[in-house]
Amino acid sequence: MLFVLQSSGGITANIYPISRTPQKGKPMTTEDAPSGAPLKPLVFRVDETTPEVVQSVLLERGWDKFDEKQQNVEDWNLYWRTSSFRMTEHIRVKPWQRLNHHPGTTKLTRKDHLAKHLKHMRRMYSTSLYEFIPLTFVMPNDYIKFVAEFYKEKQTLGTKQSYWICKPAELSRGRGIIIFNDLRDLIFNDTHIVQKYICNPLLVGRYKCDLRIYVCVTSFKPLTIYVYQEGLVRFATEKFDLSNLQDFYAHLTNSSINKSGCKWTLSRFFSYLRNWDVDDLLLWQKINSMVILTVLAMAPSVPLADNCFELFGFDILIDDNLKPWLLEVNCSPALSLDCPTDVLVKRKLIHDVIELVYLNGLRNEDKEHGKATNGNSFSKSDQCKLREAHGSLPYEALLQFKSRTYSSSDTVKEKAVRLLPKHTRTSQLREMMNEQKDLLVPTRQAPRLMSRHTPHEAFVPYASLIRSHPCKAKVSPGIPPDPGQAPSPHAGNFVLIFPFNEATLGASRNGLNVKQIIQELQKLTNKRHPQVEKNKTNRR
């Protein structure tokens, strides 16, 4: 049974059954297999770039790893790798196979392409909805425009400083970034972007942080977007200080820059904001809208390709006015397990990606293999990390792990703490943050007051605005779901954020009616503003 969505006042969905036509194909195993017949395991294919956690999770779910020497070239169900696929590979994909990349998504993940597409959308639709990206110039083409803006702002600000950040268009992990307030410091030798530097980030204990939001696009035609209800919050390891622009440990939160830095789960961050009366639900609505608008900017230009999906990492910074800013979008977001927070988030993330791609799971997966008592699947090394960290969560979720032998008398928390280096900038940051005193330090004004939520909303502060309904769609093992059907509202911790009502469902079916979708998003934004003012009045 399938479902359609009906608006309920926000990015929400009511689900109603409709009929479906089964997709035809040649799966590795089918629902038509004789009763009692053994089911062949599903097969995943990898290359040297495939993250270890992906392979580990699939093996634990009972999948087999593809062996090109012993198996037919077509005998696999899922091909997961870090690099993109050639269009010829997309064309050759079989009905029972899935690729973990869509074609043409560099328009979203290259910084210069993303800036151009978002600028085009803002110009085309004259909407304030696209004011979530800092003022951006693409070098070298926009150099003259940037210089004019630089001196214009300098004249306006007078003695106040103007700050900018320059990033290579194609590099990641903080490589090649410079922050400057003097035009003479701007140096580039290939395609870069220059953006207005956000000088008023929301600080936690005077430390800068950003959010890694996981987004899975299961289809561009029709457009179908899911957001993950858990994520990472990454901290710089030096206190934020505009007087020292060369200290990347204070200004950049990339894990590659701050290898020994701290991370929170997204749920811990939102819980922390609630303690300061921040309207966390409104903030999550803004983030969902930002994700939809960003994907929408390049969706019409993505080539048609069947049987693929893609996991993106959206990097978002919150300023002290509680406005989310899009920093960049990452393809193949990092899936290394460097700390217990990574283990908690990323392993479950991969499990839920598989659940999402194949809807309600697959009958020929070995669901009991490697299962933890809570239903999650972990390798022995990861189970060890989690056991060591569990006693210190959630407020010690920042702890990093090193090799060490313990005595049986050690408590879990003592074991975790002993693993950490002492008298370093990171250890000082951990100690300060775990004191839980004056951690939220806005640089301009107090955080916004939160609206009154129902008990359920308060318990799941950042939950998607999609209402969860059990989806009973029946999917043959090994066969991806029919792209013509209405999307499932959720899978694991993934929740559907687009389409979010009947209008957007219709606007995404026969081609993509971008104008109508923008109008629907604008309606939601307009509805939110009176509600925010009402909530403020009620709290006075």
Protein backbone atom coordinates (compact mmCIF):
# COMPACT_ATOMS: atom_id res chain seq x y z
CA MET A 1 0.00 0.00 0.00
CA LEU A 2 1.30 3.45 -0.89
CA PHE A 3 0.60 6.92 0.35
CA VAL A 4 0.00 10.49 -0.72
CA LEU A 5 0.62 13.56 1.38
CA GLN A 6 -1.71 16.33 2.44
CA SER A 7 -0.60 19.58 4.04
CA SER A 8 -1.31 20.17 7.70
CA GLY A 9 0.01 23.70 8.07
CA GLY A 10 3.78 23.30 8.04
CA ILE A 11 6.33 21.14 6.34
CA THR A 12 4.16 18.30 7.50
CA ALA A 13 2.34 15.42 5.89
CA ASN A 14 -0.84 13.43 6.32
CA ILE A 15 -0.69 10.06 4.61
CA TYR A 16 -3.46 8.45 2.57
CA PRO A 17 -3.32 5.13 0.66
CA ILE A 18 -3.26 4.94 -3.11
CA SER A 19 -2.78 2.04 -5.51
CA ARG A 20 0.56 1.03 -7.00
CA THR A 21 1.92 -0.92 -9.93
CA PRO A 22 4.80 -3.25 -9.09
CA GLN A 23 8.13 -2.49 -10.71
CA LYS A 24 9.43 -5.13 -13.03
CA GLY A 25 13.01 -6.26 -12.94
CA LYS A 26 15.44 -9.08 -12.32
CA PRO A 27 16.19 -9.03 -8.62
CA MET A 28 18.67 -11.32 -6.96
CA THR A 29 15.78 -12.68 -4.89
CA THR A 30 12.04 -12.13 -5.24
CA GLU A 31 8.86 -12.35 -3.24
CA ASP A 32 7.84 -15.07 -5.69
CA ALA A 33 10.52 -17.46 -4.43
CA PRO A 34 9.06 -20.85 -3.44
CA SER A 35 8.05 -21.10 0.18
CA GLY A 36 10.96 -22.35 2.28
CA ALA A 37 13.48 -21.83 -0.51
CA PRO A 38 16.82 -20.40 0.69
CA LEU A 39 17.28 -16.74 -0.06
CA LYS A 40 20.50 -15.56 -1.63
CA PRO A 41 22.16 -12.73 0.29
CA LEU A 42 22.11 -9.31 -1.25
CA VAL A 43 25.44 -8.24 -2.72
CA PHE A 44 27.24 -4.91 -2.36
CA ARG A 45 30.06 -3.68 -4.54
CA VAL A 46 32.87 -1.36 -3.40
CA ASP A 47 36.16 0.12 -4.52
CA GLU A 48 39.21 1.38 -2.64
CA THR A 49 37.40 4.61 -1.66
CA THR A 50 34.37 3.00 0.01
CA PRO A 51 34.24 3.92 3.73
CA GLU A 52 34.98 1.06 6.09
CA VAL A 53 31.83 1.72 8.13
CA VAL A 54 29.66 1.20 5.03
CA GLN A 55 31.19 -2.20 4.35
CA SER A 56 30.99 -3.15 8.03
CA VAL A 57 27.31 -2.24 8.31
CA LEU A 58 26.35 -4.10 5.14
CA LEU A 59 28.21 -7.23 6.22
CA GLU A 60 26.51 -7.08 9.60
CA ARG A 61 23.14 -6.84 7.87
CA GLY A 62 23.87 -10.12 6.10
CA TRP A 63 24.96 -8.77 2.71
CA ASP A 64 27.77 -10.38 0.70
CA LYS A 65 30.67 -8.46 -0.77
CA PHE A 66 30.91 -8.60 -4.57
CA ASP A 67 33.80 -10.66 -5.94
CA GLU A 68 34.45 -9.80 -9.57
CA LYS A 69 36.58 -12.94 -10.02
CA GLN A 70 33.82 -15.33 -8.97
CA GLN A 71 30.58 -13.49 -9.76
CA ASN A 72 28.89 -12.25 -12.87
CA VAL A 73 29.53 -8.57 -13.56
CA GLU A 74 25.83 -7.81 -12.97
CA ASP A 75 25.39 -9.87 -9.80
CA TRP A 76 25.28 -7.04 -7.28
CA ASN A 77 22.53 -4.92 -5.74
CA LEU A 78 24.32 -1.86 -4.36
CA TYR A 79 27.48 -0.09 -5.54
CA TRP A 80 28.77 2.38 -2.93
CA ARG A 81 31.90 4.43 -3.49
CA THR A 82 33.21 7.92 -2.69
CA SER A 83 33.77 9.08 -6.27
CA SER A 84 30.96 9.80 -8.70
CA PHE A 85 29.90 7.46 -11.51
CA ARG A 86 30.27 8.07 -15.21
CA MET A 87 27.05 8.60 -17.13
CA THR A 88 27.68 5.35 -19.00
CA GLU A 89 27.60 3.52 -15.65
CA HIS A 90 24.25 5.12 -14.84
CA ILE A 91 22.91 4.07 -18.22
CA ARG A 92 23.99 0.45 -17.72
CA VAL A 93 22.49 0.06 -14.24
CA LYS A 94 19.95 -2.77 -13.96
CA PRO A 95 16.50 -2.56 -12.33
CA TRP A 96 17.67 -4.47 -9.24
CA GLN A 97 20.79 -2.31 -8.75
CA ARG A 98 21.45 0.95 -6.91
CA LEU A 99 24.27 3.52 -7.18
CA ASN A 100 25.04 5.87 -4.30
CA HIS A 101 25.49 8.97 -6.47
CA HIS A 102 23.25 10.92 -8.82
CA PRO A 103 24.86 12.33 -11.98
CA GLY A 104 25.61 16.04 -12.14
CA THR A 105 25.54 16.82 -8.42
CA THR A 106 28.75 18.86 -8.56
CA LYS A 107 26.38 21.76 -9.21
CA LEU A 108 25.48 21.36 -5.56
CA THR A 109 28.80 20.36 -4.03
CA ARG A 110 31.30 22.61 -5.85
CA LYS A 111 31.36 25.90 -3.97
CA ASP A 112 31.45 28.09 -7.08
CA HIS A 113 28.62 26.20 -8.81
CA LEU A 114 26.49 26.29 -5.66
CA ALA A 115 26.97 30.05 -5.31
CA LYS A 116 26.01 30.64 -8.95
CA HIS A 117 22.88 28.49 -8.73
CA LEU A 118 21.66 30.11 -5.51
CA LYS A 119 22.34 33.57 -6.94
CA HIS A 120 20.37 32.62 -10.05
CA MET A 121 17.41 31.43 -7.97
CA ARG A 122 17.34 34.64 -5.97
CA ARG A 123 17.45 36.71 -9.16
CA MET A 124 14.81 34.62 -10.93
CA TYR A 125 12.25 34.52 -8.14
CA SER A 126 13.08 37.79 -6.33
CA THR A 127 12.59 36.15 -2.99
CA SER A 128 14.10 36.70 0.43
CA LEU A 129 13.95 32.93 0.92
CA TYR A 130 17.44 32.66 -0.59
CA GLU A 131 19.13 34.96 1.90
CA PHE A 132 20.71 32.03 3.75
CA ILE A 133 24.08 32.14 1.98
CA PRO A 134 26.63 34.89 2.75
CA LEU A 135 27.41 37.44 0.04
CA THR A 136 29.60 35.48 -2.37
CA PHE A 137 31.95 36.30 -5.26
CA VAL A 138 33.52 33.74 -7.59
CA MET A 139 37.17 34.43 -8.37
CA PRO A 140 38.68 35.40 -10.70
CA ASN A 141 35.55 36.34 -12.68
CA ASP A 142 34.02 38.50 -9.94
CA TYR A 143 37.25 40.14 -8.76
CA ILE A 144 36.35 43.65 -9.92
CA LYS A 145 32.87 43.37 -8.37
CA PHE A 146 34.39 42.15 -5.12
CA VAL A 147 36.92 44.98 -4.93
CA ALA A 148 34.12 47.51 -5.47
CA GLU A 149 32.05 45.90 -2.70
CA PHE A 150 35.07 45.70 -0.39
CA TYR A 151 35.80 49.43 -0.59
CA LYS A 152 32.11 50.33 -0.50
CA GLU A 153 31.69 48.44 2.76
CA LYS A 154 34.92 49.83 4.15
CA GLN A 155 33.66 53.34 3.52
CA THR A 156 30.31 52.53 5.14
CA LEU A 157 31.84 50.94 8.24
CA GLY A 158 34.41 53.66 8.77
CA THR A 159 36.85 52.54 11.45
CA LYS A 160 35.13 49.15 11.86
CA GLN A 161 36.73 46.17 10.20
CA SER A 162 35.23 44.19 7.33
CA TYR A 163 36.00 40.46 7.32
CA TRP A 164 36.01 38.02 4.41
CA ILE A 165 36.84 34.36 3.87
CA CYS A 166 38.38 32.85 0.73
CA LYS A 167 37.94 29.15 -0.10
CA PRO A 168 39.11 26.99 -3.03
CA ALA A 169 36.11 25.95 -5.12
CA GLU A 170 36.93 22.24 -5.17
CA LEU A 171 38.95 21.54 -2.03
CA SER A 172 37.52 20.38 1.28
CA ARG A 173 38.63 19.74 4.89
CA GLY A 174 39.71 23.34 5.42
CA ARG A 175 42.50 23.22 2.84
CA GLY A 176 43.53 26.52 1.23
CA ILE A 177 41.20 28.71 3.32
CA ILE A 178 42.23 32.24 4.33
CA ILE A 179 40.35 34.81 6.43
CA PHE A 180 41.27 38.44 5.81
CA ASN A 181 40.32 42.07 6.35
CA ASP A 182 43.04 43.56 4.16
CA LEU A 183 42.69 43.28 0.39
CA ARG A 184 46.45 42.72 0.10
CA ASP A 185 46.02 39.39 1.90
CA LEU A 186 43.72 38.00 -0.79
CA ILE A 187 45.74 35.52 -2.85
CA PHE A 188 44.39 32.92 -5.28
CA ASN A 189 45.73 31.13 -8.34
CA ASP A 190 42.65 29.24 -9.54
CA THR A 191 38.89 29.20 -8.96
CA HIS A 192 38.02 30.36 -5.44
CA ILE A 193 35.02 31.88 -3.76
CA VAL A 194 35.19 34.91 -1.48
CA GLN A 195 32.38 35.25 1.04
CA LYS A 196 31.42 37.71 3.72
CA TYR A 197 32.75 36.20 6.92
CA ILE A 198 30.08 35.68 9.58
CA CYS A 199 31.50 37.62 12.52
CA ASN A 200 28.68 36.95 14.97
CA PRO A 201 28.42 33.15 15.27
CA LEU A 202 26.43 31.63 18.09
CA LEU A 203 29.11 30.63 20.58
CA VAL A 204 29.09 27.75 23.01
CA GLY A 205 31.43 28.60 25.85
CA ARG A 206 32.97 31.25 23.56
CA TYR A 207 33.83 28.56 21.03
CA LYS A 208 32.59 28.54 17.46
CA CYS A 209 30.68 25.54 16.17
CA ASP A 210 28.82 24.43 13.06
CA LEU A 211 26.26 21.74 12.25
CA ARG A 212 26.65 18.77 9.93
CA ILE A 213 23.16 17.92 8.67
CA TYR A 214 22.73 14.70 6.68
CA VAL A 215 20.38 14.83 3.69
CA CYS A 216 19.46 11.96 1.38
CA VAL A 217 17.99 12.66 -2.04
CA THR A 218 16.44 9.41 -3.22
CA SER A 219 15.26 10.89 -6.52
CA PHE A 220 15.54 14.10 -8.52
CA LYS A 221 12.78 13.12 -10.94
CA PRO A 222 10.47 13.26 -9.05
CA LEU A 223 12.30 15.29 -6.41
CA THR A 224 12.31 13.46 -3.07
CA ILE A 225 14.32 14.76 -0.11
CA TYR A 226 14.85 13.24 3.33
CA VAL A 227 16.66 14.83 6.26
CA TYR A 228 18.28 12.86 9.06
CA GLN A 229 17.04 13.58 12.57
CA GLU A 230 20.52 13.26 14.07
CA GLY A 231 23.78 14.86 13.10
CA LEU A 232 27.04 16.30 14.36
CA VAL A 233 28.01 19.60 15.95
CA ARG A 234 31.70 20.34 15.47
CA PHE A 235 33.62 22.75 17.67
CA ALA A 236 36.73 24.83 17.14
CA THR A 237 39.40 24.23 19.77
CA GLU A 238 40.38 27.85 20.44
CA LYS A 239 38.10 30.62 21.65
CA PHE A 240 36.60 32.74 18.89
CA ASP A 241 38.71 35.87 18.37
CA LEU A 242 38.44 38.26 15.43
CA SER A 243 41.72 39.92 16.39
CA ASN A 244 43.64 36.80 15.34
CA LEU A 245 42.48 35.71 11.89
CA GLN A 246 45.46 33.40 11.42
CA ASP A 247 44.38 31.08 14.25
CA PHE A 248 42.46 28.47 12.28
CA TYR A 249 41.84 26.51 15.49
CA ALA A 250 39.51 29.34 16.54
CA HIS A 251 37.81 29.99 13.20
CA LEU A 252 37.51 26.59 11.51
CA THR A 253 35.61 23.60 12.86
CA ASN A 254 36.67 21.04 10.23
CA SER A 255 37.57 17.72 11.83
CA SER A 256 40.69 17.60 9.66
CA ILE A 257 41.85 20.92 11.15
CA ASN A 258 40.79 20.15 14.71
CA LYS A 259 41.61 16.43 14.72
CA SER A 260 41.43 16.27 18.49
CA GLY A 261 38.50 18.66 18.63
CA CYS A 262 35.13 18.18 20.24
CA LYS A 263 31.84 16.99 18.78
CA TRP A 264 28.31 16.87 20.07
CA THR A 265 25.35 15.06 18.63
CA LEU A 266 22.76 17.32 17.07
CA SER A 267 20.21 16.17 19.63
CA ARG A 268 22.47 17.27 22.47
CA PHE A 269 22.95 20.67 20.83
CA PHE A 270 19.21 21.24 20.44
CA SER A 271 18.59 20.08 23.98
CA TYR A 272 21.20 22.56 25.10
CA LEU A 273 19.50 25.38 23.18
CA ARG A 274 16.18 24.53 24.83
CA ASN A 275 17.77 25.08 28.21
CA TRP A 276 18.33 28.66 27.09
CA ASP A 277 14.71 29.08 25.91
CA VAL A 278 15.67 28.98 22.24
CA ASP A 279 12.84 28.15 19.82
CA ASP A 280 14.51 25.00 18.55
CA LEU A 281 11.51 23.90 16.47
CA LEU A 282 11.53 27.18 14.54
CA LEU A 283 15.26 26.81 13.94
CA TRP A 284 14.73 23.28 12.60
CA GLN A 285 11.98 24.56 10.28
CA LYS A 286 14.41 27.11 8.87
CA ILE A 287 17.04 24.44 8.31
CA ASN A 288 14.54 22.18 6.51
CA SER A 289 13.47 25.06 4.26
CA MET A 290 17.12 25.86 3.53
CA VAL A 291 17.78 22.26 2.49
CA ILE A 292 14.78 22.19 0.15
CA LEU A 293 15.65 25.53 -1.45
CA THR A 294 19.28 24.51 -1.95
CA VAL A 295 18.46 21.20 -3.65
CA LEU A 296 15.74 22.91 -5.67
CA ALA A 297 18.32 25.31 -7.13
CA MET A 298 20.01 22.59 -9.13
CA ALA A 299 17.38 19.84 -9.34
CA PRO A 300 16.05 20.82 -12.81
CA SER A 301 19.51 20.45 -14.35
CA VAL A 302 20.28 16.97 -12.99
CA PRO A 303 20.24 14.38 -15.80
CA LEU A 304 17.59 11.70 -15.61
CA ALA A 305 19.07 8.53 -14.12
CA ASP A 306 17.29 5.56 -12.59
CA ASN A 307 18.08 3.66 -9.43
CA CYS A 308 20.38 6.03 -7.62
CA PHE A 309 20.40 7.99 -4.38
CA GLU A 310 22.86 10.31 -2.69
CA LEU A 311 23.83 11.22 0.84
CA PHE A 312 24.90 14.85 1.29
CA GLY A 313 26.44 16.65 4.23
CA PHE A 314 25.10 20.19 4.69
CA ASP A 315 27.40 22.40 6.77
CA ILE A 316 25.38 25.08 8.55
CA LEU A 317 26.45 27.85 10.90
CA ILE A 318 24.03 29.49 13.34
CA ASP A 319 24.60 33.17 14.14
CA ASP A 320 23.73 34.94 17.38
CA ASN A 321 20.40 36.02 15.89
CA LEU A 322 19.61 32.31 15.49
CA LYS A 323 19.71 32.56 11.72
CA PRO A 324 21.11 29.48 9.95
CA TRP A 325 23.68 30.13 7.21
CA LEU A 326 24.63 27.59 4.56
CA LEU A 327 28.41 27.22 4.40
CA GLU A 328 28.69 24.41 1.86
CA VAL A 329 27.28 21.09 0.70
CA ASN A 330 29.48 17.98 0.70
CA CYS A 331 29.16 14.90 -1.45
CA SER A 332 30.32 11.68 0.21
CA PRO A 333 30.43 13.29 3.68
CA ALA A 334 33.17 11.91 5.93
CA LEU A 335 32.19 8.60 7.53
CA SER A 336 35.31 7.91 9.58
CA LEU A 337 34.70 6.89 13.20
CA ASP A 338 37.15 9.07 15.11
CA CYS A 339 35.28 9.41 18.41
CA PRO A 340 32.27 7.93 20.25
CA THR A 341 30.00 10.64 18.88
CA ASP A 342 30.92 9.53 15.36
CA VAL A 343 30.12 5.93 16.25
CA LEU A 344 26.74 6.86 17.71
CA VAL A 345 25.71 8.92 14.70
CA LYS A 346 27.36 7.45 11.63
CA ARG A 347 26.76 3.73 12.08
CA LYS A 348 23.05 4.29 12.65
CA LEU A 349 23.09 6.72 9.72
CA ILE A 350 24.33 4.03 7.33
CA HIS A 351 21.81 1.51 8.67
CA ASP A 352 19.03 4.02 8.05
CA VAL A 353 20.29 4.89 4.57
CA ILE A 354 19.92 1.22 3.65
CA GLU A 355 16.45 1.12 5.22
CA LEU A 356 15.50 4.24 3.28
CA VAL A 357 16.84 3.07 -0.07
CA TYR A 358 15.01 -0.24 0.22
CA LEU A 359 12.08 1.14 2.22
CA ASN A 360 10.99 -1.31 4.94
CA GLY A 361 14.12 -3.41 4.81
CA LEU A 362 14.85 -6.55 2.87
CA ARG A 363 13.54 -10.02 3.57
CA ASN A 364 16.86 -11.66 2.74
CA GLU A 365 18.94 -9.52 5.08
CA ASP A 366 20.31 -11.34 8.11
CA LYS A 367 18.72 -8.97 10.61
CA GLU A 368 20.06 -10.80 13.66
CA HIS A 369 23.67 -10.84 12.55
CA GLY A 370 25.80 -8.59 14.77
CA LYS A 371 22.80 -6.93 16.38
CA ALA A 372 23.25 -4.97 19.56
CA THR A 373 20.61 -5.21 22.26
CA ASN A 374 19.12 -1.89 21.23
CA GLY A 375 18.52 -3.05 17.66
CA ASN A 376 21.56 -1.32 16.19
CA SER A 377 24.36 -3.28 14.59
CA PHE A 378 27.94 -2.63 15.64
CA SER A 379 31.29 -4.26 15.07
CA LYS A 380 33.19 -5.55 18.10
CA SER A 381 35.55 -2.56 18.09
CA ASP A 382 32.63 -0.14 17.92
CA GLN A 383 30.77 -1.98 20.67
CA CYS A 384 33.88 -1.54 22.81
CA LYS A 385 33.98 2.18 22.11
CA LEU A 386 30.32 2.55 22.94
CA ARG A 387 30.60 0.59 26.18
CA GLU A 388 33.48 2.79 27.26
CA ALA A 389 31.66 5.97 26.34
CA HIS A 390 28.14 5.09 27.43
CA GLY A 391 28.56 6.04 31.06
CA SER A 392 29.70 9.53 30.11
CA LEU A 393 26.98 10.33 27.59
CA PRO A 394 25.44 12.68 26.77
CA TYR A 395 27.51 15.35 28.50
CA GLU A 396 30.82 13.59 27.96
CA ALA A 397 30.04 12.72 24.35
CA LEU A 398 33.02 14.82 23.31
CA LEU A 399 35.51 12.26 24.59
CA GLN A 400 38.14 10.89 22.23
CA PHE A 401 39.52 7.33 22.40
CA LYS A 402 43.07 6.01 22.48
CA SER A 403 44.40 2.49 23.08
CA ARG A 404 44.78 1.53 26.75
CA THR A 405 44.45 -1.42 29.10
CA TYR A 406 42.04 -1.05 32.03
CA SER A 407 41.64 -2.65 35.40
CA SER A 408 38.28 -4.13 36.32
CA SER A 409 37.91 -1.57 39.10
CA ASP A 410 37.86 1.39 36.73
CA THR A 411 34.47 3.01 36.24
CA VAL A 412 33.26 3.64 32.70
CA LYS A 413 33.65 7.38 33.06
CA GLU A 414 37.13 7.07 34.59
CA LYS A 415 38.21 4.83 31.72
CA ALA A 416 36.99 7.33 29.15
CA VAL A 417 38.58 10.31 30.89
CA ARG A 418 41.93 8.53 31.23
CA LEU A 419 42.03 8.08 27.48
CA LEU A 420 42.27 11.80 26.91
CA PRO A 421 45.44 13.88 26.64
CA LYS A 422 45.93 16.34 29.47
CA HIS A 423 46.88 20.02 29.45
CA THR A 424 46.01 20.62 25.81
CA ARG A 425 43.64 23.13 24.26
CA THR A 426 41.19 20.28 23.70
CA SER A 427 41.33 18.99 27.27
CA GLN A 428 40.75 22.51 28.56
CA LEU A 429 37.78 22.89 26.22
CA ARG A 430 36.29 19.59 27.39
CA GLU A 431 36.68 20.50 31.04
CA MET A 432 35.09 23.91 30.53
CA MET A 433 32.17 22.59 28.47
CA ASN A 434 31.39 19.81 30.92
CA GLU A 435 31.07 22.33 33.74
CA GLN A 436 27.85 23.46 31.95
CA LYS A 437 28.24 27.07 33.10
CA ASP A 438 27.70 30.04 30.81
CA LEU A 439 28.16 27.86 27.75
CA LEU A 440 25.85 29.73 25.42
CA VAL A 441 27.47 33.11 24.88
CA PRO A 442 25.87 35.15 22.09
CA THR A 443 28.03 38.02 20.95
CA ARG A 444 25.18 40.48 20.48
CA GLN A 445 21.93 39.60 22.18
CA ALA A 446 20.12 36.89 24.11
CA PRO A 447 18.74 33.86 22.25
CA ARG A 448 15.16 33.93 21.05
CA LEU A 449 12.52 32.56 23.41
CA MET A 450 11.13 29.20 22.49
CA SER A 451 7.52 28.58 21.65
CA ARG A 452 5.39 26.25 23.74
CA HIS A 453 5.64 22.72 22.39
CA THR A 454 3.67 19.63 23.12
CA PRO A 455 5.42 17.06 25.32
CA HIS A 456 6.30 15.02 22.24
CA GLU A 457 7.80 18.02 20.45
CA ALA A 458 9.80 18.90 23.53
CA PHE A 459 11.10 15.34 23.76
CA VAL A 460 12.17 15.31 20.11
CA PRO A 461 13.15 18.96 19.68
CA TYR A 462 14.55 18.85 16.21
CA ALA A 463 12.29 16.18 14.77
CA SER A 464 11.16 16.75 11.24
CA LEU A 465 7.88 18.45 10.71
CA ILE A 466 6.74 15.30 8.94
CA ARG A 467 4.24 13.36 11.01
CA SER A 468 5.27 9.74 11.22
CA HIS A 469 2.81 7.16 9.94
CA PRO A 470 3.49 3.47 9.45
CA CYS A 471 4.15 2.76 5.80
CA LYS A 472 3.00 -0.68 4.69
CA ALA A 473 4.34 -0.50 1.17
CA LYS A 474 5.50 -3.94 0.11
CA VAL A 475 8.81 -4.00 -1.69
CA SER A 476 10.39 -7.01 -3.31
CA PRO A 477 13.83 -7.75 -1.91
CA GLY A 478 16.62 -6.32 -4.01
CA ILE A 479 14.33 -4.14 -6.13
CA PRO A 480 14.42 -0.37 -5.53
CA PRO A 481 10.99 1.20 -5.00
CA ASP A 482 8.98 2.40 -7.97
CA PRO A 483 9.87 6.09 -8.60
CA GLY A 484 6.28 6.69 -9.67
CA GLN A 485 4.87 5.95 -6.24
CA ALA A 486 4.35 8.43 -3.43
CA PRO A 487 7.40 8.50 -1.15
CA SER A 488 7.47 6.87 2.25
CA PRO A 489 7.19 9.47 5.07
CA HIS A 490 10.11 8.04 7.02
CA ALA A 491 12.69 5.29 7.30
CA GLY A 492 14.70 4.93 10.48
CA ASN A 493 15.70 8.44 11.53
CA PHE A 494 15.21 9.80 8.01
CA VAL A 495 12.06 11.85 7.53
CA LEU A 496 10.55 13.21 4.34
CA ILE A 497 10.77 17.00 3.97
CA PHE A 498 9.94 17.19 0.26
CA PRO A 499 7.29 16.91 -1.06
CA PHE A 500 5.53 18.28 2.01
CA ASN A 501 1.94 18.75 0.79
CA GLU A 502 -0.35 17.89 -2.13
CA ALA A 503 0.67 21.00 -4.05
CA THR A 504 4.39 20.21 -3.91
CA LEU A 505 3.69 16.54 -4.60
CA GLY A 506 1.93 17.54 -7.82
CA ALA A 507 4.54 20.17 -8.67
CA SER A 508 7.30 17.56 -8.59
CA ARG A 509 5.68 14.78 -10.63
CA ASN A 510 5.44 15.81 -14.27
CA GLY A 511 8.56 17.90 -14.48
CA LEU A 512 9.50 20.28 -11.68
CA ASN A 513 7.34 23.37 -11.24
CA VAL A 514 9.92 25.44 -9.36
CA LYS A 515 7.78 28.56 -9.23
CA GLN A 516 4.87 26.76 -7.57
CA ILE A 517 7.18 25.10 -5.05
CA ILE A 518 8.75 28.46 -4.16
CA GLN A 519 5.27 29.87 -3.63
CA GLU A 520 4.37 27.02 -1.27
CA LEU A 521 7.55 27.57 0.75
CA GLN A 522 6.83 31.28 0.89
CA LYS A 523 3.36 30.54 2.26
CA LEU A 524 4.89 28.48 5.05
CA THR A 525 7.36 31.24 5.87
CA ASN A 526 4.59 33.82 5.99
CA LYS A 527 2.57 31.59 8.35
CA ARG A 528 5.51 31.18 10.70
CA HIS A 529 6.09 34.88 11.30
CA PRO A 530 2.71 35.68 12.95
CA GLN A 531 3.04 32.52 15.07
CA VAL A 532 6.49 33.60 16.27
CA GLU A 533 5.16 37.01 17.31
CA LYS A 534 2.22 35.36 19.07
CA ASN A 535 4.57 33.08 21.00
CA LYS A 536 6.68 36.04 22.07
CA THR A 537 3.58 37.85 23.32
CA ASN A 538 2.43 34.79 25.28
CA ARG A 539 5.78 34.58 27.05
CA ARG A 540 5.76 38.22 28.19
